[in-house]
Amino acid sequence: MAPLVERLEEEEHVNVAKLEVWHNEANAKRMKEYDKGYCGGVPFFFNQKTGKWICGEADYERLKKWALE
C-alpha cells in the first residue's frame, strides 16, 4: 500500500499518518479503538474526519475516495 499512499499524498496533497503498531503498544491500542473490531489487522486506514475506514489492501481509486470524502 505504501506506493499508493505516496502517490495519494503527492497528487492530492493530503497527509496520511503512518503509525507502527507491531512494536508500539500505544499505537496498537489507538488502532483497536478506531477499528472497533471490524478489521482486526493491518493495513488499516481510518479517516478521523469522516469516521470511515479501509480494512486491508485497496486500489488507488478507493483509497483516494476514502481520503477526499
PDB file of N, CA and C in Angstrom:
ATOM      1  N   MET A   1       0.815  -1.194   0.000  1.00  0.00           N
ATOM      2  CA  MET A   1       0.000   0.000   0.000  1.00  0.00           C
ATOM      3  C   MET A   1       0.862   1.263   0.000  1.00  0.00           C
ATOM      4  N   ALA A   2       2.108   1.141   0.439  1.00  0.00           N
ATOM      5  CA  ALA A   2       2.974   2.321   0.557  1.00  0.00           C
ATOM      6  C   ALA A   2       3.076   3.118  -0.747  1.00  0.00           C
ATOM      7  N   PRO A   3       3.277   2.473  -1.909  1.00  0.00           N
ATOM      8  CA  PRO A   3       3.346   3.260  -3.142  1.00  0.00           C
ATOM      9  C   PRO A   3       2.053   4.015  -3.445  1.00  0.00           C
ATOM     10  N   LEU A   4       0.909   3.419  -3.136  1.00  0.00           N
ATOM     11  CA  LEU A   4      -0.372   4.092  -3.377  1.00  0.00           C
ATOM     12  C   LEU A   4      -0.576   5.256  -2.424  1.00  0.00           C
ATOM     13  N   VAL A   5      -0.157   5.094  -1.181  1.00  0.00           N
ATOM     14  CA  VAL A   5      -0.269   6.179  -0.203  1.00  0.00           C
ATOM     15  C   VAL A   5       0.640   7.332  -0.619  1.00  0.00           C
ATOM     16  N   GLU A   6       1.862   7.018  -1.049  1.00  0.00           N
ATOM     17  CA  GLU A   6       2.782   8.059  -1.515  1.00  0.00           C
ATOM     18  C   GLU A   6       2.204   8.802  -2.711  1.00  0.00           C
ATOM     19  N   ARG A   7       1.631   8.068  -3.646  1.00  0.00           N
ATOM     20  CA  ARG A   7       1.005   8.689  -4.821  1.00  0.00           C
ATOM     21  C   ARG A   7      -0.136   9.611  -4.393  1.00  0.00           C
ATOM     22  N   LEU A   8      -0.972   9.143  -3.481  1.00  0.00           N
ATOM     23  CA  LEU A   8      -2.087   9.936  -2.979  1.00  0.00           C
ATOM     24  C   LEU A   8      -1.593  11.228  -2.345  1.00  0.00           C
ATOM     25  N   GLU A   9      -0.565  11.132  -1.535  1.00  0.00           N
ATOM     26  CA  GLU A   9      -0.026  12.314  -0.871  1.00  0.00           C
ATOM     27  C   GLU A   9       0.533  13.312  -1.876  1.00  0.00           C
ATOM     28  N   GLU A  10       1.222  12.814  -2.902  1.00  0.00           N
ATOM     29  CA  GLU A  10       1.811  13.692  -3.917  1.00  0.00           C
ATOM     30  C   GLU A  10       0.757  14.326  -4.821  1.00  0.00           C
ATOM     31  N   GLU A  11      -0.173  13.516  -5.311  1.00  0.00           N
ATOM     32  CA  GLU A  11      -1.159  14.001  -6.278  1.00  0.00           C
ATOM     33  C   GLU A  11      -2.265  14.843  -5.650  1.00  0.00           C
ATOM     34  N   GLU A  12      -2.697  14.470  -4.455  1.00  0.00           N
ATOM     35  CA  GLU A  12      -3.850  15.126  -3.840  1.00  0.00           C
ATOM     36  C   GLU A  12      -3.466  16.050  -2.686  1.00  0.00           C
ATOM     37  N   HIS A  13      -2.191  16.108  -2.373  1.00  0.00           N
ATOM     38  CA  HIS A  13      -1.683  16.990  -1.312  1.00  0.00           C
ATOM     39  C   HIS A  13      -2.381  16.730   0.024  1.00  0.00           C
ATOM     40  N   VAL A  14      -2.502  15.458   0.364  1.00  0.00           N
ATOM     41  CA  VAL A  14      -3.049  15.070   1.661  1.00  0.00           C
ATOM     42  C   VAL A  14      -1.937  14.392   2.459  1.00  0.00           C
ATOM     43  N   ASN A  15      -2.095  14.374   3.760  1.00  0.00           N
ATOM     44  CA  ASN A  15      -1.127  13.722   4.626  1.00  0.00           C
ATOM     45  C   ASN A  15      -1.792  12.512   5.268  1.00  0.00           C
ATOM     46  N   VAL A  16      -1.190  11.355   5.080  1.00  0.00           N
ATOM     47  CA  VAL A  16      -1.682  10.132   5.701  1.00  0.00           C
ATOM     48  C   VAL A  16      -0.696   9.771   6.808  1.00  0.00           C
ATOM     49  N   ALA A  17      -1.154   9.834   8.053  1.00  0.00           N
ATOM     50  CA  ALA A  17      -0.293   9.475   9.182  1.00  0.00           C
ATOM     51  C   ALA A  17      -0.043   7.975   9.149  1.00  0.00           C
ATOM     52  N   LYS A  18       1.197   7.596   9.349  1.00  0.00           N
ATOM     53  CA  LYS A  18       1.575   6.186   9.347  1.00  0.00           C
ATOM     54  C   LYS A  18       2.037   5.825  10.755  1.00  0.00           C
ATOM     55  N   LEU A  19       1.301   4.935  11.388  1.00  0.00           N
ATOM     56  CA  LEU A  19       1.601   4.561  12.764  1.00  0.00           C
ATOM     57  C   LEU A  19       2.038   3.104  12.814  1.00  0.00           C
ATOM     58  N   GLU A  20       3.176   2.845  13.418  1.00  0.00           N
ATOM     59  CA  GLU A  20       3.701   1.497  13.576  1.00  0.00           C
ATOM     60  C   GLU A  20       2.981   0.857  14.761  1.00  0.00           C
ATOM     61  N   VAL A  21       2.367  -0.307  14.550  1.00  0.00           N
ATOM     62  CA  VAL A  21       1.559  -0.919  15.604  1.00  0.00           C
ATOM     63  C   VAL A  21       2.129  -2.231  16.145  1.00  0.00           C
ATOM     64  N   TRP A  22       3.140  -2.774  15.502  1.00  0.00           N
ATOM     65  CA  TRP A  22       3.692  -4.053  15.943  1.00  0.00           C
ATOM     66  C   TRP A  22       4.541  -3.873  17.199  1.00  0.00           C
ATOM     67  N   HIS A  23       5.399  -2.854  17.215  1.00  0.00           N
ATOM     68  CA  HIS A  23       6.312  -2.627  18.332  1.00  0.00           C
ATOM     69  C   HIS A  23       5.886  -1.462  19.220  1.00  0.00           C
ATOM     70  N   ASN A  24       4.834  -0.757  18.859  1.00  0.00           N
ATOM     71  CA  ASN A  24       4.413   0.414  19.612  1.00  0.00           C
ATOM     72  C   ASN A  24       3.035   0.141  20.219  1.00  0.00           C
ATOM     73  N   GLU A  25       3.029  -0.122  21.508  1.00  0.00           N
ATOM     74  CA  GLU A  25       1.793  -0.503  22.195  1.00  0.00           C
ATOM     75  C   GLU A  25       0.734   0.600  22.168  1.00  0.00           C
ATOM     76  N   ALA A  26       1.165   1.849  22.299  1.00  0.00           N
ATOM     77  CA  ALA A  26       0.215   2.971  22.282  1.00  0.00           C
ATOM     78  C   ALA A  26      -0.478   3.066  20.927  1.00  0.00           C
ATOM     79  N   ASN A  27       0.278   2.891  19.848  1.00  0.00           N
ATOM     80  CA  ASN A  27      -0.320   2.928  18.513  1.00  0.00           C
ATOM     81  C   ASN A  27      -1.238   1.734  18.287  1.00  0.00           C
ATOM     82  N   ALA A  28      -0.852   0.566  18.787  1.00  0.00           N
ATOM     83  CA  ALA A  28      -1.701  -0.621  18.654  1.00  0.00           C
ATOM     84  C   ALA A  28      -3.029  -0.406  19.378  1.00  0.00           C
ATOM     85  N   LYS A  29      -2.978   0.196  20.552  1.00  0.00           N
ATOM     86  CA  LYS A  29      -4.206   0.482  21.312  1.00  0.00           C
ATOM     87  C   LYS A  29      -5.076   1.484  20.560  1.00  0.00           C
ATOM     88  N   ARG A  30      -4.441   2.485  20.003  1.00  0.00           N
ATOM     89  CA  ARG A  30      -5.170   3.503  19.228  1.00  0.00           C
ATOM     90  C   ARG A  30      -5.870   2.865  18.029  1.00  0.00           C
ATOM     91  N   MET A  31      -5.160   1.970  17.319  1.00  0.00           N
ATOM     92  CA  MET A  31      -5.764   1.291  16.172  1.00  0.00           C
ATOM     93  C   MET A  31      -6.978   0.478  16.609  1.00  0.00           C
ATOM     94  N   LYS A  32      -6.874  -0.237  17.718  1.00  0.00           N
ATOM     95  CA  LYS A  32      -8.005  -1.040  18.206  1.00  0.00           C
ATOM     96  C   LYS A  32      -9.209  -0.167  18.539  1.00  0.00           C
ATOM     97  N   GLU A  33      -8.948   1.016  19.090  1.00  0.00           N
ATOM     98  CA  GLU A  33     -10.042   1.929  19.409  1.00  0.00           C
ATOM     99  C   GLU A  33     -10.752   2.406  18.144  1.00  0.00           C
ATOM    100  N   TYR A  34      -9.994   2.726  17.110  1.00  0.00           N
ATOM    101  CA  TYR A  34     -10.589   3.160  15.847  1.00  0.00           C
ATOM    102  C   TYR A  34     -11.254   1.998  15.114  1.00  0.00           C
ATOM    103  N   ASP A  35     -10.639   0.836  15.174  1.00  0.00           N
ATOM    104  CA  ASP A  35     -11.107  -0.345  14.451  1.00  0.00           C
ATOM    105  C   ASP A  35     -12.451  -0.852  14.979  1.00  0.00           C
ATOM    106  N   LYS A  36     -12.636  -0.837  16.273  1.00  0.00           N
ATOM    107  CA  LYS A  36     -13.872  -1.304  16.917  1.00  0.00           C
ATOM    108  C   LYS A  36     -14.226  -2.736  16.540  1.00  0.00           C
ATOM    109  N   GLY A  37     -13.196  -3.551  16.266  1.00  0.00           N
ATOM    110  CA  GLY A  37     -13.407  -4.959  15.961  1.00  0.00           C
ATOM    111  C   GLY A  37     -13.805  -5.270  14.531  1.00  0.00           C
ATOM    112  N   TYR A  38     -13.840  -4.285  13.650  1.00  0.00           N
ATOM    113  CA  TYR A  38     -14.263  -4.522  12.270  1.00  0.00           C
ATOM    114  C   TYR A  38     -13.172  -5.184  11.425  1.00  0.00           C
ATOM    115  N   CYS A  39     -11.939  -4.750  11.573  1.00  0.00           N
ATOM    116  CA  CYS A  39     -10.862  -5.234  10.702  1.00  0.00           C
ATOM    117  C   CYS A  39      -9.947  -6.225  11.407  1.00  0.00           C
ATOM    118  N   GLY A  40      -9.388  -5.813  12.512  1.00  0.00           N
ATOM    119  CA  GLY A  40      -8.539  -6.703  13.282  1.00  0.00           C
ATOM    120  C   GLY A  40      -7.152  -6.918  12.732  1.00  0.00           C
ATOM    121  N   GLY A  41      -6.680  -6.042  11.866  1.00  0.00           N
ATOM    122  CA  GLY A  41      -5.333  -6.218  11.329  1.00  0.00           C
ATOM    123  C   GLY A  41      -4.896  -5.032  10.506  1.00  0.00           C
ATOM    124  N   VAL A  42      -3.775  -5.219   9.854  1.00  0.00           N
ATOM    125  CA  VAL A  42      -3.205  -4.167   9.021  1.00  0.00           C
ATOM    126  C   VAL A  42      -3.032  -4.687   7.599  1.00  0.00           C
ATOM    127  N   PRO A  43      -3.031  -3.824   6.616  1.00  0.00           N
ATOM    128  CA  PRO A  43      -3.167  -2.385   6.742  1.00  0.00           C
ATOM    129  C   PRO A  43      -4.583  -1.984   7.151  1.00  0.00           C
ATOM    130  N   PHE A  44      -4.633  -0.918   7.905  1.00  0.00           N
ATOM    131  CA  PHE A  44      -5.892  -0.370   8.400  1.00  0.00           C
ATOM    132  C   PHE A  44      -5.825   1.136   8.229  1.00  0.00           C
ATOM    133  N   PHE A  45      -6.785   1.688   7.526  1.00  0.00           N
ATOM    134  CA  PHE A  45      -6.846   3.122   7.273  1.00  0.00           C
ATOM    135  C   PHE A  45      -8.095   3.671   7.942  1.00  0.00           C
ATOM    136  N   PHE A  46      -7.927   4.746   8.720  1.00  0.00           N
ATOM    137  CA  PHE A  46      -9.066   5.367   9.396  1.00  0.00           C
ATOM    138  C   PHE A  46      -9.043   6.858   9.116  1.00  0.00           C
ATOM    139  N   ASN A  47     -10.163   7.390   8.649  1.00  0.00           N
ATOM    140  CA  ASN A  47     -10.283   8.814   8.362  1.00  0.00           C
ATOM    141  C   ASN A  47     -10.978   9.465   9.550  1.00  0.00           C
ATOM    142  N   GLN A  48     -10.224  10.263  10.308  1.00  0.00           N
ATOM    143  CA  GLN A  48     -10.791  10.889  11.503  1.00  0.00           C
ATOM    144  C   GLN A  48     -11.907  11.872  11.183  1.00  0.00           C
ATOM    145  N   LYS A  49     -11.866  12.503  10.025  1.00  0.00           N
ATOM    146  CA  LYS A  49     -12.900  13.476   9.670  1.00  0.00           C
ATOM    147  C   LYS A  49     -14.236  12.820   9.364  1.00  0.00           C
ATOM    148  N   THR A  50     -14.196  11.691   8.655  1.00  0.00           N
ATOM    149  CA  THR A  50     -15.432  11.046   8.234  1.00  0.00           C
ATOM    150  C   THR A  50     -15.825   9.841   9.088  1.00  0.00           C
ATOM    151  N   GLY A  51     -14.855   9.290   9.836  1.00  0.00           N
ATOM    152  CA  GLY A  51     -15.116   8.090  10.617  1.00  0.00           C
ATOM    153  C   GLY A  51     -15.124   6.823   9.778  1.00  0.00           C
ATOM    154  N   LYS A  52     -14.729   6.923   8.514  1.00  0.00           N
ATOM    155  CA  LYS A  52     -14.723   5.753   7.623  1.00  0.00           C
ATOM    156  C   LYS A  52     -13.346   5.096   7.631  1.00  0.00           C
ATOM    157  N   TRP A  53     -13.344   3.809   7.335  1.00  0.00           N
ATOM    158  CA  TRP A  53     -12.102   3.064   7.346  1.00  0.00           C
ATOM    159  C   TRP A  53     -11.995   2.161   6.131  1.00  0.00           C
ATOM    160  N   ILE A  54     -10.766   1.693   5.903  1.00  0.00           N
ATOM    161  CA  ILE A  54     -10.485   0.671   4.897  1.00  0.00           C
ATOM    162  C   ILE A  54      -9.745  -0.447   5.615  1.00  0.00           C
ATOM    163  N   CYS A  55     -10.223  -1.660   5.448  1.00  0.00           N
ATOM    164  CA  CYS A  55      -9.564  -2.843   6.003  1.00  0.00           C
ATOM    165  C   CYS A  55      -8.756  -3.514   4.892  1.00  0.00           C
ATOM    166  N   GLY A  56      -7.498  -3.746   5.144  1.00  0.00           N
ATOM    167  CA  GLY A  56      -6.677  -4.454   4.172  1.00  0.00           C
ATOM    168  C   GLY A  56      -6.304  -3.579   2.983  1.00  0.00           C
ATOM    169  N   GLU A  57      -5.916  -4.247   1.914  1.00  0.00           N
ATOM    170  CA  GLU A  57      -5.469  -3.539   0.716  1.00  0.00           C
ATOM    171  C   GLU A  57      -6.651  -2.968  -0.059  1.00  0.00           C
ATOM    172  N   ALA A  58      -6.377  -1.901  -0.803  1.00  0.00           N
ATOM    173  CA  ALA A  58      -7.396  -1.257  -1.638  1.00  0.00           C
ATOM    174  C   ALA A  58      -6.721  -0.713  -2.881  1.00  0.00           C
ATOM    175  N   ASP A  59      -7.490  -0.540  -3.946  1.00  0.00           N
ATOM    176  CA  ASP A  59      -6.910   0.070  -5.136  1.00  0.00           C
ATOM    177  C   ASP A  59      -6.829   1.587  -4.947  1.00  0.00           C
ATOM    178  N   TYR A  60      -6.141   2.240  -5.868  1.00  0.00           N
ATOM    179  CA  TYR A  60      -5.880   3.669  -5.720  1.00  0.00           C
ATOM    180  C   TYR A  60      -7.165   4.487  -5.670  1.00  0.00           C
ATOM    181  N   GLU A  61      -8.132   4.178  -6.515  1.00  0.00           N
ATOM    182  CA  GLU A  61      -9.366   4.962  -6.553  1.00  0.00           C
ATOM    183  C   GLU A  61     -10.147   4.863  -5.242  1.00  0.00           C
ATOM    184  N   ARG A  62     -10.172   3.692  -4.658  1.00  0.00           N
ATOM    185  CA  ARG A  62     -10.867   3.533  -3.360  1.00  0.00           C
ATOM    186  C   ARG A  62     -10.135   4.309  -2.266  1.00  0.00           C
ATOM    187  N   LEU A  63      -8.804   4.235  -2.262  1.00  0.00           N
ATOM    188  CA  LEU A  63      -8.017   4.964  -1.286  1.00  0.00           C
ATOM    189  C   LEU A  63      -8.224   6.461  -1.440  1.00  0.00           C
ATOM    190  N   LYS A  64      -8.247   6.926  -2.668  1.00  0.00           N
ATOM    191  CA  LYS A  64      -8.446   8.350  -2.949  1.00  0.00           C
ATOM    192  C   LYS A  64      -9.822   8.812  -2.477  1.00  0.00           C
ATOM    193  N   LYS A  65     -10.846   8.038  -2.772  1.00  0.00           N
ATOM    194  CA  LYS A  65     -12.203   8.376  -2.336  1.00  0.00           C
ATOM    195  C   LYS A  65     -12.271   8.447  -0.818  1.00  0.00           C
ATOM    196  N   TRP A  66     -11.657   7.464  -0.146  1.00  0.00           N
ATOM    197  CA  TRP A  66     -11.635   7.436   1.318  1.00  0.00           C
ATOM    198  C   TRP A  66     -10.983   8.696   1.879  1.00  0.00           C
ATOM    199  N   ALA A  67      -9.893   9.125   1.273  1.00  0.00           N
ATOM    200  CA  ALA A  67      -9.134  10.272   1.773  1.00  0.00           C
ATOM    201  C   ALA A  67      -9.815  11.603   1.503  1.00  0.00           C
ATOM    202  N   LEU A  68     -10.532  11.707   0.392  1.00  0.00           N
ATOM    203  CA  LEU A  68     -11.060  13.007  -0.033  1.00  0.00           C
ATOM    204  C   LEU A  68     -12.523  13.247   0.330  1.00  0.00           C
ATOM    205  N   GLU A  69     -13.197  12.260   0.865  1.00  0.00           N
ATOM    206  CA  GLU A  69     -14.607  12.448   1.248  1.00  0.00           C
ATOM    207  C   GLU A  69     -14.759  13.522   2.291  1.00  0.00           C
TER     208      GLU A  69
END
